[in-house]
């Protein structure tokens, strides 16, 4: 039952474009006892169907700049290859620390730096 709740929460975050992996990876590591490498792989795999649903929904609402998206996809594919290769060669403990540091930095940015629209 817990895994369904984790999936539901990550689906909501993915739909909000917040990033379901920010919840899924730590939840799998801490509550399911899965290694960091496996948790990140599962996160990426589960992201595909949730991303498709979110993209279709946002596209229907006119929230996607297709041309800009295509440019970003090219760089993202290269970055994903480099990142996945790096993730597979580093120790799980170090990878977990990198992931935690990233989450802290993003949280601080959202809280202190990001301009708030009214």
Protein backbone atom coordinates (compact mmCIF):
# COMPACT_ATOMS: atom_id res chain seq x y z
CA UNK A 1 0.00 0.00 0.00
CA UNK A 2 2.86 2.39 0.81
CA UNK A 3 4.30 2.05 -2.68
CA UNK A 4 0.95 3.17 -4.17
CA UNK A 5 0.95 6.26 -1.94
CA UNK A 6 4.53 7.03 -2.95
CA UNK A 7 3.54 6.65 -6.61
CA UNK A 8 0.48 8.87 -6.14
CA UNK A 9 2.58 11.60 -4.52
CA UNK A 10 5.24 11.47 -7.21
CA UNK A 11 2.55 11.57 -9.89
CA UNK A 12 1.16 14.77 -8.41
CA UNK A 13 4.60 16.36 -8.23
CA UNK A 14 5.37 15.31 -11.81
CA UNK A 15 2.09 16.79 -13.01
CA UNK A 16 3.00 20.04 -11.29
CA UNK A 17 6.41 19.92 -13.05
CA UNK A 18 8.11 19.97 -9.66
CA UNK A 19 9.82 16.66 -10.25
CA UNK A 20 8.45 13.46 -8.83
CA UNK A 21 11.98 12.16 -8.33
CA UNK A 22 12.44 14.62 -5.49
CA UNK A 23 9.95 12.50 -3.54
CA UNK A 24 10.33 9.11 -5.21
CA UNK A 25 14.07 8.59 -4.83
CA UNK A 26 14.28 9.34 -1.10
CA UNK A 27 11.05 7.41 -0.44
CA UNK A 28 12.36 4.32 -2.21
CA UNK A 29 15.73 4.52 -0.44
CA UNK A 30 14.35 5.13 3.06
CA UNK A 31 11.06 3.23 3.07
CA UNK A 32 11.74 0.39 0.64
CA UNK A 33 15.42 -0.24 1.35
CA UNK A 34 16.33 0.10 -2.33
CA UNK A 35 19.83 1.30 -3.22
CA UNK A 36 20.34 4.85 -4.51
CA UNK A 37 21.29 3.64 -8.00
CA UNK A 38 18.20 1.43 -8.33
CA UNK A 39 15.93 4.15 -6.89
CA UNK A 40 17.17 6.65 -9.47
CA UNK A 41 16.67 4.14 -12.28
CA UNK A 42 13.14 3.38 -11.10
CA UNK A 43 12.44 7.10 -10.83
CA UNK A 44 13.52 7.68 -14.41
CA UNK A 45 11.50 4.72 -15.66
CA UNK A 46 8.34 5.77 -13.84
CA UNK A 47 8.81 9.32 -15.09
CA UNK A 48 8.13 8.35 -18.71
CA UNK A 49 4.37 7.62 -18.44
CA UNK A 50 3.74 10.44 -15.96
CA UNK A 51 5.60 12.87 -18.20
CA UNK A 52 3.56 11.80 -21.22
CA UNK A 53 0.31 12.46 -19.36
CA UNK A 54 1.58 15.82 -18.07
CA UNK A 55 2.85 16.88 -21.52
CA UNK A 56 -0.47 16.04 -23.18
CA UNK A 57 -2.38 17.95 -20.49
CA UNK A 58 -0.13 21.02 -20.70
CA UNK A 59 -0.12 20.92 -24.51
CA UNK A 60 -3.93 20.91 -24.60
CA UNK A 61 -3.91 23.95 -22.33
CA UNK A 62 -1.46 25.79 -24.59
CA UNK A 63 1.35 25.80 -22.03
CA UNK A 64 4.10 24.42 -24.27
CA UNK A 65 6.43 26.34 -26.56
CA UNK A 66 7.22 23.53 -28.99
CA UNK A 67 10.21 25.22 -30.66
CA UNK A 68 11.88 26.03 -27.34
CA UNK A 69 11.10 22.52 -26.10
CA UNK A 70 12.85 20.95 -29.09
CA UNK A 71 16.00 22.98 -28.42
CA UNK A 72 15.97 21.92 -24.77
CA UNK A 73 15.43 18.27 -25.69
CA UNK A 74 18.66 18.20 -27.72
CA UNK A 75 20.75 19.45 -24.80
CA UNK A 76 18.82 17.34 -22.30
CA UNK A 77 19.53 14.12 -24.19
CA UNK A 78 23.27 14.77 -24.09
CA UNK A 79 23.09 15.82 -20.45
CA UNK A 80 21.06 12.73 -19.53
CA UNK A 81 23.69 10.49 -21.11
CA UNK A 82 26.52 12.22 -19.25
CA UNK A 83 24.60 12.26 -15.97
CA UNK A 84 23.54 8.61 -16.18
CA UNK A 85 27.09 7.55 -17.05
CA UNK A 86 28.45 9.52 -14.09
CA UNK A 87 25.77 8.13 -11.74
CA UNK A 88 26.73 4.58 -12.66
CA UNK A 89 30.41 5.03 -11.87
CA UNK A 90 30.16 6.80 -8.49
CA UNK A 91 29.56 5.20 -5.12
CA UNK A 92 25.93 5.09 -3.91
CA UNK A 93 26.76 7.04 -0.75
CA UNK A 94 28.36 9.84 -2.76
CA UNK A 95 25.46 9.81 -5.20
CA UNK A 96 22.98 10.13 -2.32
CA UNK A 97 24.95 13.12 -0.99
CA UNK A 98 24.94 14.79 -4.41
CA UNK A 99 21.18 14.25 -4.67
CA UNK A 100 20.58 15.60 -1.15
CA UNK A 101 22.77 18.64 -1.81
CA UNK A 102 20.84 19.33 -5.02
CA UNK A 103 17.52 19.16 -3.16
CA UNK A 104 18.77 21.54 -0.47
CA UNK A 105 20.09 24.05 -3.01
CA UNK A 106 16.82 23.94 -4.99
CA UNK A 107 14.79 24.37 -1.80
CA UNK A 108 16.86 27.37 -0.75
CA UNK A 109 16.54 28.88 -4.23
CA UNK A 110 12.77 28.45 -4.23
CA UNK A 111 12.48 29.92 -0.77
CA UNK A 112 14.89 32.86 -0.96
CA UNK A 113 15.78 33.74 -4.56
CA UNK A 114 12.98 32.87 -6.96
CA UNK A 115 10.80 35.92 -7.64
CA UNK A 116 7.23 35.43 -6.49
CA UNK A 117 4.50 36.44 -8.93
CA UNK A 118 1.34 37.97 -7.56
